Amino acid sequence: MLTFTKPFTVTEPPIDQMQVTVMRAELAAMIERKTGTDGMHDSVYPPLGFARTTQIHHPVHSVCEPAFCILAQGSKRVLLGEEAYIYDSNQYLVASQNLPVSSQVIDASPEAPYLGLRLSFNVKDIAALALEFGLAETGPKVRPQRGIFTGALTPTLLDPVLRLMKLLDTPQDVAALAPLISREILYRLLRSPDGWRLAQMAVVDSHSQRVAQVIGYLSRHFREPLRIEDLADSVHMSVSSLHHHFKSVTSMSPLQFQKQLRLQESRRIMIGERVDAATAGHRVGYESQSQFNREYSRFFGMPPVRDVKRLREMQLGQVAQAGEPGEVGDPGR
């Protein structure tokens, strides 16, 4: 079986909850200062972004890119297929793959706004770091694990996060120092009890890497007809093995994965480019309008026209409340 080096077997010391509470309060104050209004907010360091909301909205469907996410305040539910991941200010969430998810803020109010932080990362950086410090070693392959997981927030993780936040106040230092702190955060994640879930990406020619290749291909070519046999051949796997390991990571089949990408992109096109359902369906690869309408209604809960009308009304409400352009949302934050 695939084995990992000692960092993954060492038991971490008990978490000092009082220290975590103090550090989390400091983080919440920093995010509030960087945001101030509801919505998504970028920073001077592109991989780092923030989210703030005082309301509970409908679930948001999107593709969650590889990232490390913390909630300084509030809680969120993330759905991957039929599986739910619920986390709050005591936990973090990590996505190690590009995955179509549905997410919903489930705890937010004007008195206690939902305050989130997202640090995006490159899977190649994780693999390089794991190999550089010997945090994973090759061996016979095991079944890959889910591409999303949660873990307990610790002072060890919060410390570099707070330092990264403080660095934003001196923009002239960001280019030189922010990548170093981001690297430290990734290292701490790899050393965490669930770090092996990330380290599996570093195992050369593993099933995890092959599934990652398939995910990358589908993300770029989801509009094209899908031939599972050709896809399996491209990563030197049998069709049954591809299905088995792909579902282990994503909780869905390659065909279901492609369908979700198509439907989410069609929704984005209709809202952002204001095209009709027939045009959007055709642009994402549907040849049958009736099939597109049927699958869209099943996935989003209502026909395209009604759904887009509802989302546009939500956007107008957000604009009126915030006094600035609104967004449908970003589940990764």
C-alpha atoms as a PDB file:
ATOM      1  CA  MET A   1       0.000   0.000   0.000  1.00  0.00           C
ATOM      2  CA  LEU A   2       0.996   3.625  -0.367  1.00  0.00           C
ATOM      3  CA  THR A   3       2.895   4.722   2.711  1.00  0.00           C
ATOM      4  CA  PHE A   4       3.718   8.131   4.089  1.00  0.00           C
ATOM      5  CA  THR A   5       6.560   9.345   6.230  1.00  0.00           C
ATOM      6  CA  LYS A   6       6.398  10.098   9.930  1.00  0.00           C
ATOM      7  CA  PRO A   7       4.857  13.598   9.783  1.00  0.00           C
ATOM      8  CA  PHE A   8       1.504  11.977   8.984  1.00  0.00           C
ATOM      9  CA  THR A   9       1.646   9.594  11.960  1.00  0.00           C
ATOM     10  CA  VAL A  10       2.740  12.063  14.620  1.00  0.00           C
ATOM     11  CA  THR A  11      -0.106  13.029  16.930  1.00  0.00           C
ATOM     12  CA  GLU A  12      -0.561  16.784  17.208  1.00  0.00           C
ATOM     13  CA  PRO A  13      -0.673  18.319  20.693  1.00  0.00           C
ATOM     14  CA  PRO A  14      -4.105  19.267  22.076  1.00  0.00           C
ATOM     15  CA  ILE A  15      -5.520  22.394  20.481  1.00  0.00           C
ATOM     16  CA  ASP A  16      -5.521  25.464  22.708  1.00  0.00           C
ATOM     17  CA  GLN A  17      -9.114  26.556  22.095  1.00  0.00           C
ATOM     18  CA  MET A  18      -8.705  29.826  23.957  1.00  0.00           C
ATOM     19  CA  GLN A  19      -5.779  30.777  21.746  1.00  0.00           C
ATOM     20  CA  VAL A  20      -7.745  29.771  18.641  1.00  0.00           C
ATOM     21  CA  THR A  21     -10.677  31.929  19.777  1.00  0.00           C
ATOM     22  CA  VAL A  22      -8.456  34.974  20.247  1.00  0.00           C
ATOM     23  CA  MET A  23      -6.701  34.491  16.903  1.00  0.00           C
ATOM     24  CA  ARG A  24      -9.986  33.891  15.105  1.00  0.00           C
ATOM     25  CA  ALA A  25     -11.433  37.115  16.531  1.00  0.00           C
ATOM     26  CA  GLU A  26      -8.372  38.979  15.263  1.00  0.00           C
ATOM     27  CA  LEU A  27      -8.843  37.404  11.827  1.00  0.00           C
ATOM     28  CA  ALA A  28     -12.539  38.358  11.789  1.00  0.00           C
ATOM     29  CA  ALA A  29     -11.671  41.980  12.554  1.00  0.00           C
ATOM     30  CA  MET A  30      -9.111  42.021   9.739  1.00  0.00           C
ATOM     31  CA  ILE A  31     -11.536  40.554   7.187  1.00  0.00           C
ATOM     32  CA  GLU A  32     -14.240  43.002   8.272  1.00  0.00           C
ATOM     33  CA  ARG A  33     -11.801  45.848   7.768  1.00  0.00           C
ATOM     34  CA  LYS A  34     -10.828  44.583   4.296  1.00  0.00           C
ATOM     35  CA  THR A  35     -14.460  44.136   3.217  1.00  0.00           C
ATOM     36  CA  GLY A  36     -17.062  46.244   5.033  1.00  0.00           C
ATOM     37  CA  THR A  37     -19.811  45.414   2.529  1.00  0.00           C
ATOM     38  CA  ASP A  38     -21.428  42.167   1.460  1.00  0.00           C
ATOM     39  CA  GLY A  39     -19.932  40.364  -1.514  1.00  0.00           C
ATOM     40  CA  MET A  40     -16.646  38.962  -2.782  1.00  0.00           C
ATOM     41  CA  HIS A  41     -13.523  41.061  -2.277  1.00  0.00           C
ATOM     42  CA  ASP A  42     -10.105  40.679  -3.892  1.00  0.00           C
ATOM     43  CA  SER A  43      -6.825  41.637  -2.265  1.00  0.00           C
ATOM     44  CA  VAL A  44      -3.491  43.024  -3.449  1.00  0.00           C
ATOM     45  CA  TYR A  45      -2.270  39.409  -3.341  1.00  0.00           C
ATOM     46  CA  PRO A  46      -4.261  37.700  -6.144  1.00  0.00           C
ATOM     47  CA  PRO A  47      -4.477  34.186  -4.608  1.00  0.00           C
ATOM     48  CA  LEU A  48      -6.112  35.657  -1.489  1.00  0.00           C
ATOM     49  CA  GLY A  49      -9.728  36.797  -1.398  1.00  0.00           C
ATOM     50  CA  PHE A  50     -12.508  37.426   1.099  1.00  0.00           C
ATOM     51  CA  ALA A  51     -16.260  37.010   1.372  1.00  0.00           C
ATOM     52  CA  ARG A  52     -18.758  38.797   3.579  1.00  0.00           C
ATOM     53  CA  THR A  53     -22.509  38.433   3.825  1.00  0.00           C
ATOM     54  CA  THR A  54     -25.170  39.334   6.351  1.00  0.00           C
ATOM     55  CA  GLN A  55     -27.851  37.156   4.748  1.00  0.00           C
ATOM     56  CA  ILE A  56     -28.497  33.510   4.015  1.00  0.00           C
ATOM     57  CA  HIS A  57     -28.986  33.090   0.270  1.00  0.00           C
ATOM     58  CA  HIS A  58     -29.962  30.228  -2.019  1.00  0.00           C
ATOM     59  CA  PRO A  59     -27.279  27.597  -2.750  1.00  0.00           C
ATOM     60  CA  VAL A  60     -24.635  28.712  -5.234  1.00  0.00           C
ATOM     61  CA  HIS A  61     -23.427  26.321  -7.938  1.00  0.00           C
ATOM     62  CA  SER A  62     -19.897  26.731  -9.250  1.00  0.00           C
ATOM     63  CA  VAL A  63     -16.575  25.019  -9.818  1.00  0.00           C
ATOM     64  CA  CYS A  64     -14.460  25.130  -6.678  1.00  0.00           C
ATOM     65  CA  GLU A  65     -10.793  25.430  -7.611  1.00  0.00           C
ATOM     66  CA  PRO A  66      -7.952  24.143  -5.396  1.00  0.00           C
ATOM     67  CA  ALA A  67      -7.946  26.311  -2.281  1.00  0.00           C
ATOM     68  CA  PHE A  68      -7.656  26.570   1.480  1.00  0.00           C
ATOM     69  CA  CYS A  69     -10.743  28.177   3.052  1.00  0.00           C
ATOM     70  CA  ILE A  70     -11.295  29.554   6.552  1.00  0.00           C
ATOM     71  CA  LEU A  71     -14.393  31.044   8.141  1.00  0.00           C
ATOM     72  CA  ALA A  72     -13.605  33.628  10.783  1.00  0.00           C
ATOM     73  CA  GLN A  73     -17.331  33.889  11.462  1.00  0.00           C
ATOM     74  CA  GLY A  74     -20.433  31.991  10.314  1.00  0.00           C
ATOM     75  CA  SER A  75     -20.830  28.553   8.754  1.00  0.00           C
ATOM     76  CA  LYS A  76     -21.290  27.013   5.332  1.00  0.00           C
ATOM     77  CA  ARG A  77     -22.558  23.832   3.682  1.00  0.00           C
ATOM     78  CA  VAL A  78     -20.750  22.537   0.588  1.00  0.00           C
ATOM     79  CA  LEU A  79     -22.281  19.754  -1.496  1.00  0.00           C
ATOM     80  CA  LEU A  80     -20.134  17.540  -3.706  1.00  0.00           C
ATOM     81  CA  GLY A  81     -22.539  15.284  -5.530  1.00  0.00           C
ATOM     82  CA  GLU A  82     -24.784  13.976  -2.767  1.00  0.00           C
ATOM     83  CA  GLU A  83     -22.219  14.460   0.006  1.00  0.00           C
ATOM     84  CA  ALA A  84     -22.388  17.425   2.387  1.00  0.00           C
ATOM     85  CA  TYR A  85     -19.400  19.100   4.044  1.00  0.00           C
ATOM     86  CA  ILE A  86     -20.400  21.516   6.789  1.00  0.00           C
ATOM     87  CA  TYR A  87     -17.761  23.708   8.393  1.00  0.00           C
ATOM     88  CA  ASP A  88     -17.660  26.746  10.635  1.00  0.00           C
ATOM     89  CA  SER A  89     -15.126  28.996  12.346  1.00  0.00           C
ATOM     90  CA  ASN A  90     -13.567  26.053  14.184  1.00  0.00           C
ATOM     91  CA  GLN A  91     -12.582  24.287  10.968  1.00  0.00           C
ATOM     92  CA  TYR A  92     -11.030  24.823   7.574  1.00  0.00           C
ATOM     93  CA  LEU A  93     -11.947  23.327   4.220  1.00  0.00           C
ATOM     94  CA  VAL A  94      -9.510  22.273   1.509  1.00  0.00           C
ATOM     95  CA  ALA A  95     -10.335  21.517  -2.127  1.00  0.00           C
ATOM     96  CA  SER A  96      -7.508  19.715  -3.900  1.00  0.00           C
ATOM     97  CA  GLN A  97      -9.156  19.475  -7.334  1.00  0.00           C
ATOM     98  CA  ASN A  98     -11.383  21.497  -9.653  1.00  0.00           C
ATOM     99  CA  LEU A  99     -14.782  20.216  -8.544  1.00  0.00           C
ATOM    100  CA  PRO A 100     -18.359  21.273  -9.374  1.00  0.00           C
ATOM    101  CA  VAL A 101     -20.033  21.973  -6.043  1.00  0.00           C
ATOM    102  CA  SER A 102     -23.075  23.615  -4.539  1.00  0.00           C
ATOM    103  CA  SER A 103     -22.530  25.765  -1.469  1.00  0.00           C
ATOM    104  CA  GLN A 104     -24.681  27.782   0.883  1.00  0.00           C
ATOM    105  CA  VAL A 105     -23.952  30.090   3.791  1.00  0.00           C
ATOM    106  CA  ILE A 106     -26.096  28.736   6.636  1.00  0.00           C
ATOM    107  CA  ASP A 107     -25.171  31.129   9.443  1.00  0.00           C
ATOM    108  CA  ALA A 108     -25.030  34.890   8.862  1.00  0.00           C
ATOM    109  CA  SER A 109     -26.748  37.995  10.191  1.00  0.00           C
ATOM    110  CA  PRO A 110     -26.233  41.790  10.266  1.00  0.00           C
ATOM    111  CA  GLU A 111     -25.054  41.442  13.883  1.00  0.00           C
ATOM    112  CA  ALA A 112     -22.634  38.604  13.070  1.00  0.00           C
ATOM    113  CA  PRO A 113     -21.740  38.635   9.361  1.00  0.00           C
ATOM    114  CA  TYR A 114     -20.374  35.595   7.616  1.00  0.00           C
ATOM    115  CA  LEU A 115     -16.664  36.331   7.094  1.00  0.00           C
ATOM    116  CA  GLY A 116     -14.596  34.007   4.933  1.00  0.00           C
ATOM    117  CA  LEU A 117     -11.069  33.817   3.576  1.00  0.00           C
ATOM    118  CA  ARG A 118      -9.869  31.835   0.578  1.00  0.00           C
ATOM    119  CA  LEU A 119      -6.267  31.140  -0.410  1.00  0.00           C
ATOM    120  CA  SER A 120      -5.996  29.560  -3.851  1.00  0.00           C
ATOM    121  CA  PHE A 121      -3.105  27.277  -4.681  1.00  0.00           C
ATOM    122  CA  ASN A 122      -1.636  25.294  -7.538  1.00  0.00           C
ATOM    123  CA  VAL A 123      -1.774  21.520  -7.187  1.00  0.00           C
ATOM    124  CA  LYS A 124       1.711  21.359  -8.693  1.00  0.00           C
ATOM    125  CA  ASP A 125       2.997  23.472  -5.809  1.00  0.00           C
ATOM    126  CA  ILE A 126       1.512  21.026  -3.304  1.00  0.00           C
ATOM    127  CA  ALA A 127       3.108  18.084  -5.087  1.00  0.00           C
ATOM    128  CA  ALA A 128       6.492  19.799  -5.284  1.00  0.00           C
ATOM    129  CA  LEU A 129       6.407  20.718  -1.596  1.00  0.00           C
ATOM    130  CA  ALA A 130       5.442  17.193  -0.551  1.00  0.00           C
ATOM    131  CA  LEU A 131       8.262  15.680  -2.577  1.00  0.00           C
ATOM    132  CA  GLU A 132      10.832  18.285  -1.521  1.00  0.00           C
ATOM    133  CA  PHE A 133      10.351  17.609   2.183  1.00  0.00           C
ATOM    134  CA  GLY A 134       9.715  13.894   1.920  1.00  0.00           C
ATOM    135  CA  LEU A 135       6.118  14.126   3.096  1.00  0.00           C
ATOM    136  CA  ALA A 136       5.079  11.321   0.767  1.00  0.00           C
ATOM    137  CA  GLU A 137       6.813   8.387  -0.778  1.00  0.00           C
ATOM    138  CA  THR A 138       5.871   6.277  -3.757  1.00  0.00           C
ATOM    139  CA  GLY A 139       4.623   2.736  -3.460  1.00  0.00           C
ATOM    140  CA  PRO A 140       1.777   0.476  -4.563  1.00  0.00           C
ATOM    141  CA  LYS A 141      -1.293   2.554  -5.276  1.00  0.00           C
ATOM    142  CA  VAL A 142      -4.354   2.869  -3.079  1.00  0.00           C
ATOM    143  CA  ARG A 143      -7.802   4.191  -3.817  1.00  0.00           C
ATOM    144  CA  PRO A 144      -7.739   7.999  -4.069  1.00  0.00           C
ATOM    145  CA  GLN A 145      -9.700   9.975  -1.515  1.00  0.00           C
ATOM    146  CA  ARG A 146     -12.248  12.745  -1.937  1.00  0.00           C
ATOM    147  CA  GLY A 147     -10.994  15.986  -3.435  1.00  0.00           C
ATOM    148  CA  ILE A 148     -12.536  17.974  -0.545  1.00  0.00           C
ATOM    149  CA  PHE A 149     -11.926  17.597   3.175  1.00  0.00           C
ATOM    150  CA  THR A 150     -12.234  19.567   6.401  1.00  0.00           C
ATOM    151  CA  GLY A 151      -9.954  19.808   9.419  1.00  0.00           C
ATOM    152  CA  ALA A 152      -9.666  21.510  12.792  1.00  0.00           C
ATOM    153  CA  LEU A 153      -8.195  25.011  12.909  1.00  0.00           C
ATOM    154  CA  THR A 154      -5.063  25.224  15.059  1.00  0.00           C
ATOM    155  CA  PRO A 155      -2.828  28.078  16.212  1.00  0.00           C
ATOM    156  CA  THR A 156      -0.123  26.628  13.958  1.00  0.00           C
ATOM    157  CA  LEU A 157      -2.315  27.225  10.910  1.00  0.00           C
ATOM    158  CA  LEU A 158      -3.833  30.503  12.050  1.00  0.00           C
ATOM    159  CA  ASP A 159      -0.458  32.108  12.786  1.00  0.00           C
ATOM    160  CA  PRO A 160       0.762  32.311   9.137  1.00  0.00           C
ATOM    161  CA  VAL A 161      -2.754  33.264   8.010  1.00  0.00           C
ATOM    162  CA  LEU A 162      -2.699  36.269  10.352  1.00  0.00           C
ATOM    163  CA  ARG A 163       0.777  37.216   9.185  1.00  0.00           C
ATOM    164  CA  LEU A 164      -0.402  37.062   5.567  1.00  0.00           C
ATOM    165  CA  MET A 165      -3.331  39.326   6.433  1.00  0.00           C
ATOM    166  CA  LYS A 166      -1.069  41.852   8.173  1.00  0.00           C
ATOM    167  CA  LEU A 167       1.256  41.848   5.179  1.00  0.00           C
ATOM    168  CA  LEU A 168      -1.542  43.303   3.045  1.00  0.00           C
ATOM    169  CA  ASP A 169      -1.092  46.578   4.926  1.00  0.00           C
ATOM    170  CA  THR A 170       2.357  46.971   3.328  1.00  0.00           C
ATOM    171  CA  PRO A 171       1.689  46.325  -0.381  1.00  0.00           C
ATOM    172  CA  GLN A 172       5.320  46.969  -1.289  1.00  0.00           C
ATOM    173  CA  ASP A 173       6.276  43.799   0.616  1.00  0.00           C
ATOM    174  CA  VAL A 174       3.566  41.506  -0.772  1.00  0.00           C
ATOM    175  CA  ALA A 175       5.355  40.329  -3.927  1.00  0.00           C
ATOM    176  CA  ALA A 176       8.442  39.243  -1.978  1.00  0.00           C
ATOM    177  CA  LEU A 177       6.908  37.829   1.215  1.00  0.00           C
ATOM    178  CA  ALA A 178       3.349  36.646   0.485  1.00  0.00           C
ATOM    179  CA  PRO A 179       4.460  33.608  -1.593  1.00  0.00           C
ATOM    180  CA  LEU A 180       6.720  32.538   1.286  1.00  0.00           C
ATOM    181  CA  ILE A 181       3.884  32.702   3.808  1.00  0.00           C
ATOM    182  CA  SER A 182       1.552  30.894   1.391  1.00  0.00           C
ATOM    183  CA  ARG A 183       4.165  28.160   1.087  1.00  0.00           C
ATOM    184  CA  GLU A 184       4.292  27.907   4.887  1.00  0.00           C
ATOM    185  CA  ILE A 185       0.499  27.514   5.024  1.00  0.00           C
ATOM    186  CA  LEU A 186       0.629  24.722   2.444  1.00  0.00           C
ATOM    187  CA  TYR A 187       3.416  23.058   4.406  1.00  0.00           C
ATOM    188  CA  ARG A 188       1.322  23.202   7.587  1.00  0.00           C
ATOM    189  CA  LEU A 189      -1.606  21.669   5.721  1.00  0.00           C
ATOM    190  CA  LEU A 190       0.619  18.839   4.515  1.00  0.00           C
ATOM    191  CA  ARG A 191       1.787  18.254   8.083  1.00  0.00           C
ATOM    192  CA  SER A 192      -1.782  18.174   9.412  1.00  0.00           C
ATOM    193  CA  PRO A 193      -3.519  14.862  10.244  1.00  0.00           C
ATOM    194  CA  ASP A 194      -5.309  14.921   6.874  1.00  0.00           C
ATOM    195  CA  GLY A 195      -2.325  16.223   4.934  1.00  0.00           C
ATOM    196  CA  TRP A 196      -1.877  12.854   3.245  1.00  0.00           C
ATOM    197  CA  ARG A 197      -5.001  13.673   1.225  1.00  0.00           C
ATOM    198  CA  LEU A 198      -3.008  16.434  -0.432  1.00  0.00           C
ATOM    199  CA  ALA A 199       0.245  14.499  -0.503  1.00  0.00           C
ATOM    200  CA  GLN A 200      -1.338  11.729  -2.582  1.00  0.00           C
ATOM    201  CA  MET A 201      -1.171  14.224  -5.454  1.00  0.00           C
ATOM    202  CA  ALA A 202       2.634  14.025  -5.260  1.00  0.00           C
ATOM    203  CA  VAL A 203       2.850  10.302  -5.964  1.00  0.00           C
ATOM    204  CA  VAL A 204       4.089   9.987  -9.526  1.00  0.00           C
ATOM    205  CA  ASP A 205       1.753   8.082 -11.857  1.00  0.00           C
ATOM    206  CA  SER A 206      -0.700   7.368  -9.039  1.00  0.00           C
ATOM    207  CA  HIS A 207      -4.413   6.965  -9.554  1.00  0.00           C
ATOM    208  CA  SER A 208      -4.830  10.378  -7.923  1.00  0.00           C
ATOM    209  CA  GLN A 209      -2.639  12.018 -10.541  1.00  0.00           C
ATOM    210  CA  ARG A 210      -4.444  10.230 -13.344  1.00  0.00           C
ATOM    211  CA  VAL A 211      -7.818  11.314 -12.040  1.00  0.00           C
ATOM    212  CA  ALA A 212      -6.456  14.861 -11.813  1.00  0.00           C
ATOM    213  CA  GLN A 213      -5.511  14.649 -15.494  1.00  0.00           C
ATOM    214  CA  VAL A 214      -9.025  13.530 -16.379  1.00  0.00           C
ATOM    215  CA  ILE A 215     -10.562  16.339 -14.307  1.00  0.00           C
ATOM    216  CA  GLY A 216      -8.314  18.830 -16.085  1.00  0.00           C
ATOM    217  CA  TYR A 217      -9.296  17.490 -19.494  1.00  0.00           C
ATOM    218  CA  LEU A 218     -13.021  17.554 -18.726  1.00  0.00           C
ATOM    219  CA  SER A 219     -12.730  21.082 -17.328  1.00  0.00           C
ATOM    220  CA  ARG A 220     -11.241  22.265 -20.616  1.00  0.00           C
ATOM    221  CA  HIS A 221     -13.313  20.153 -23.029  1.00  0.00           C
ATOM    222  CA  PHE A 222     -16.701  19.718 -21.329  1.00  0.00           C
ATOM    223  CA  ARG A 223     -18.494  21.075 -24.410  1.00  0.00           C
ATOM    224  CA  GLU A 224     -17.224  18.204 -26.544  1.00  0.00           C
ATOM    225  CA  PRO A 225     -18.833  14.735 -26.860  1.00  0.00           C
ATOM    226  CA  LEU A 226     -17.456  12.398 -24.200  1.00  0.00           C
ATOM    227  CA  ARG A 227     -16.080   8.966 -25.075  1.00  0.00           C
ATOM    228  CA  ILE A 228     -15.170   7.204 -21.852  1.00  0.00           C
ATOM    229  CA  GLU A 229     -13.035   4.642 -23.679  1.00  0.00           C
ATOM    230  CA  ASP A 230     -10.810   7.328 -25.196  1.00  0.00           C
ATOM    231  CA  LEU A 231     -10.609   9.153 -21.878  1.00  0.00           C
ATOM    232  CA  ALA A 232      -9.530   5.992 -20.063  1.00  0.00           C
ATOM    233  CA  ASP A 233      -6.949   5.183 -22.741  1.00  0.00           C
ATOM    234  CA  SER A 234      -5.453   8.671 -22.452  1.00  0.00           C
ATOM    235  CA  VAL A 235      -4.498   8.017 -18.805  1.00  0.00           C
ATOM    236  CA  HIS A 236      -3.700   4.313 -19.281  1.00  0.00           C
ATOM    237  CA  MET A 237      -6.631   3.026 -17.241  1.00  0.00           C
ATOM    238  CA  SER A 238      -9.438   0.625 -17.971  1.00  0.00           C
ATOM    239  CA  VAL A 239     -12.957   2.048 -18.182  1.00  0.00           C
ATOM    240  CA  SER A 240     -13.996   0.319 -14.955  1.00  0.00           C
ATOM    241  CA  SER A 241     -10.860   1.521 -13.124  1.00  0.00           C
ATOM    242  CA  LEU A 242     -11.411   5.082 -14.315  1.00  0.00           C
ATOM    243  CA  HIS A 243     -15.011   5.065 -13.109  1.00  0.00           C
ATOM    244  CA  HIS A 244     -13.993   3.568  -9.770  1.00  0.00           C
ATOM    245  CA  HIS A 245     -11.170   5.987  -8.972  1.00  0.00           C
ATOM    246  CA  PHE A 246     -12.847   9.051 -10.503  1.00  0.00           C
ATOM    247  CA  LYS A 247     -15.853   8.526  -8.268  1.00  0.00           C
ATOM    248  CA  SER A 248     -13.582   8.126  -5.246  1.00  0.00           C
ATOM    249  CA  VAL A 249     -12.283  11.673  -5.768  1.00  0.00           C
ATOM    250  CA  THR A 250     -15.363  13.467  -7.097  1.00  0.00           C
ATOM    251  CA  SER A 251     -18.283  11.338  -5.795  1.00  0.00           C
ATOM    252  CA  MET A 252     -19.643  11.206  -9.359  1.00  0.00           C
ATOM    253  CA  SER A 253     -18.960   9.577 -12.716  1.00  0.00           C
ATOM    254  CA  PRO A 254     -17.075  11.384 -15.515  1.00  0.00           C
ATOM    255  CA  LEU A 255     -20.385  11.802 -17.390  1.00  0.00           C
ATOM    256  CA  GLN A 256     -22.081  13.343 -14.334  1.00  0.00           C
ATOM    257  CA  PHE A 257     -19.046  15.586 -13.828  1.00  0.00           C
ATOM    258  CA  GLN A 258     -19.245  16.796 -17.438  1.00  0.00           C
ATOM    259  CA  LYS A 259     -22.984  17.391 -17.133  1.00  0.00           C
ATOM    260  CA  GLN A 260     -22.563  19.580 -14.049  1.00  0.00           C
ATOM    261  CA  LEU A 261     -19.842  21.618 -15.751  1.00  0.00           C
ATOM    262  CA  ARG A 262     -22.073  22.115 -18.787  1.00  0.00           C
ATOM    263  CA  LEU A 263     -25.084  23.178 -16.752  1.00  0.00           C
ATOM    264  CA  GLN A 264     -23.120  25.571 -14.558  1.00  0.00           C
ATOM    265  CA  GLU A 265     -21.500  27.179 -17.602  1.00  0.00           C
ATOM    266  CA  SER A 266     -24.856  27.527 -19.350  1.00  0.00           C
ATOM    267  CA  ARG A 267     -26.203  29.328 -16.292  1.00  0.00           C
ATOM    268  CA  ARG A 268     -23.209  31.669 -16.250  1.00  0.00           C
ATOM    269  CA  ILE A 269     -23.683  32.444 -19.944  1.00  0.00           C
ATOM    270  CA  MET A 270     -27.382  33.215 -19.576  1.00  0.00           C
ATOM    271  CA  ILE A 271     -26.785  35.537 -16.618  1.00  0.00           C
ATOM    272  CA  GLY A 272     -23.543  37.173 -17.698  1.00  0.00           C
ATOM    273  CA  GLU A 273     -24.107  37.425 -21.439  1.00  0.00           C
ATOM    274  CA  ARG A 274     -27.907  37.620 -21.400  1.00  0.00           C
ATOM    275  CA  VAL A 275     -28.485  34.959 -24.045  1.00  0.00           C
ATOM    276  CA  ASP A 276     -31.534  32.695 -24.211  1.00  0.00           C
ATOM    277  CA  ALA A 277     -31.675  29.101 -22.988  1.00  0.00           C
ATOM    278  CA  ALA A 278     -31.513  27.593 -26.482  1.00  0.00           C
ATOM    279  CA  THR A 279     -28.302  29.471 -27.299  1.00  0.00           C
ATOM    280  CA  ALA A 280     -26.710  28.695 -23.941  1.00  0.00           C
ATOM    281  CA  GLY A 281     -27.552  24.999 -24.171  1.00  0.00           C
ATOM    282  CA  HIS A 282     -26.098  24.740 -27.651  1.00  0.00           C
ATOM    283  CA  ARG A 283     -22.908  26.576 -26.650  1.00  0.00           C
ATOM    284  CA  VAL A 284     -22.153  24.119 -23.835  1.00  0.00           C
ATOM    285  CA  GLY A 285     -22.656  21.062 -26.030  1.00  0.00           C
ATOM    286  CA  TYR A 286     -26.345  20.133 -25.902  1.00  0.00           C
ATOM    287  CA  GLU A 287     -27.839  19.161 -29.249  1.00  0.00           C
ATOM    288  CA  SER A 288     -31.347  18.668 -27.849  1.00  0.00           C
ATOM    289  CA  GLN A 289     -33.098  21.675 -26.337  1.00  0.00           C
ATOM    290  CA  SER A 290     -35.606  19.465 -24.536  1.00  0.00           C
ATOM    291  CA  GLN A 291     -32.795  17.432 -22.965  1.00  0.00           C
ATOM    292  CA  PHE A 292     -31.058  20.615 -21.866  1.00  0.00           C
ATOM    293  CA  ASN A 293     -34.243  22.003 -20.282  1.00  0.00           C
ATOM    294  CA  ARG A 294     -34.953  18.701 -18.571  1.00  0.00           C
ATOM    295  CA  GLU A 295     -31.460  18.271 -17.105  1.00  0.00           C
ATOM    296  CA  TYR A 296     -31.236  21.951 -16.129  1.00  0.00           C
ATOM    297  CA  SER A 297     -34.558  21.750 -14.270  1.00  0.00           C
ATOM    298  CA  ARG A 298     -33.520  18.583 -12.486  1.00  0.00           C
ATOM    299  CA  PHE A 299     -30.172  20.045 -11.399  1.00  0.00           C
ATOM    300  CA  PHE A 300     -31.167  23.610 -10.460  1.00  0.00           C
ATOM    301  CA  GLY A 301     -34.745  22.900  -9.378  1.00  0.00           C
ATOM    302  CA  MET A 302     -36.546  24.992 -12.002  1.00  0.00           C
ATOM    303  CA  PRO A 303     -36.508  25.643 -15.775  1.00  0.00           C
ATOM    304  CA  PRO A 304     -33.772  27.913 -17.194  1.00  0.00           C
ATOM    305  CA  VAL A 305     -36.004  30.949 -17.798  1.00  0.00           C
ATOM    306  CA  ARG A 306     -37.438  30.961 -14.263  1.00  0.00           C
ATOM    307  CA  ASP A 307     -34.082  30.257 -12.658  1.00  0.00           C
ATOM    308  CA  VAL A 308     -32.263  33.050 -14.501  1.00  0.00           C
ATOM    309  CA  LYS A 309     -35.082  35.493 -13.738  1.00  0.00           C
ATOM    310  CA  ARG A 310     -34.796  34.655 -10.027  1.00  0.00           C
ATOM    311  CA  LEU A 311     -31.001  35.084 -10.025  1.00  0.00           C
ATOM    312  CA  ARG A 312     -31.184  38.438 -11.804  1.00  0.00           C
ATOM    313  CA  GLU A 313     -33.696  39.652  -9.229  1.00  0.00           C
ATOM    314  CA  MET A 314     -31.309  38.524  -6.482  1.00  0.00           C
ATOM    315  CA  GLN A 315     -28.490  40.462  -8.131  1.00  0.00           C
ATOM    316  CA  LEU A 316     -30.605  43.607  -8.268  1.00  0.00           C
ATOM    317  CA  GLY A 317     -31.395  43.182  -4.585  1.00  0.00           C
ATOM    318  CA  GLN A 318     -27.701  42.852  -3.739  1.00  0.00           C
ATOM    319  CA  VAL A 319     -26.862  45.939  -5.775  1.00  0.00           C
ATOM    320  CA  ALA A 320     -29.568  47.925  -3.997  1.00  0.00           C
ATOM    321  CA  GLN A 321     -28.331  46.761  -0.602  1.00  0.00           C
ATOM    322  CA  ALA A 322     -24.595  47.176  -1.180  1.00  0.00           C
ATOM    323  CA  GLY A 323     -24.731  50.146  -3.519  1.00  0.00           C
ATOM    324  CA  GLU A 324     -22.289  48.442  -5.891  1.00  0.00           C
ATOM    325  CA  PRO A 325     -22.296  45.665  -8.540  1.00  0.00           C
ATOM    326  CA  GLY A 326     -23.492  42.370  -7.094  1.00  0.00           C
ATOM    327  CA  GLU A 327     -22.360  38.838  -7.810  1.00  0.00           C
ATOM    328  CA  VAL A 328     -24.138  35.509  -7.794  1.00  0.00           C
ATOM    329  CA  GLY A 329     -21.428  34.138  -5.528  1.00  0.00           C
ATOM    330  CA  ASP A 330     -18.336  32.006  -5.243  1.00  0.00           C
ATOM    331  CA  PRO A 331     -18.689  28.717  -3.320  1.00  0.00           C
ATOM    332  CA  GLY A 332     -14.979  28.445  -2.716  1.00  0.00           C
ATOM    333  CA  ARG A 333     -15.099  31.356  -0.276  1.00  0.00           C
END
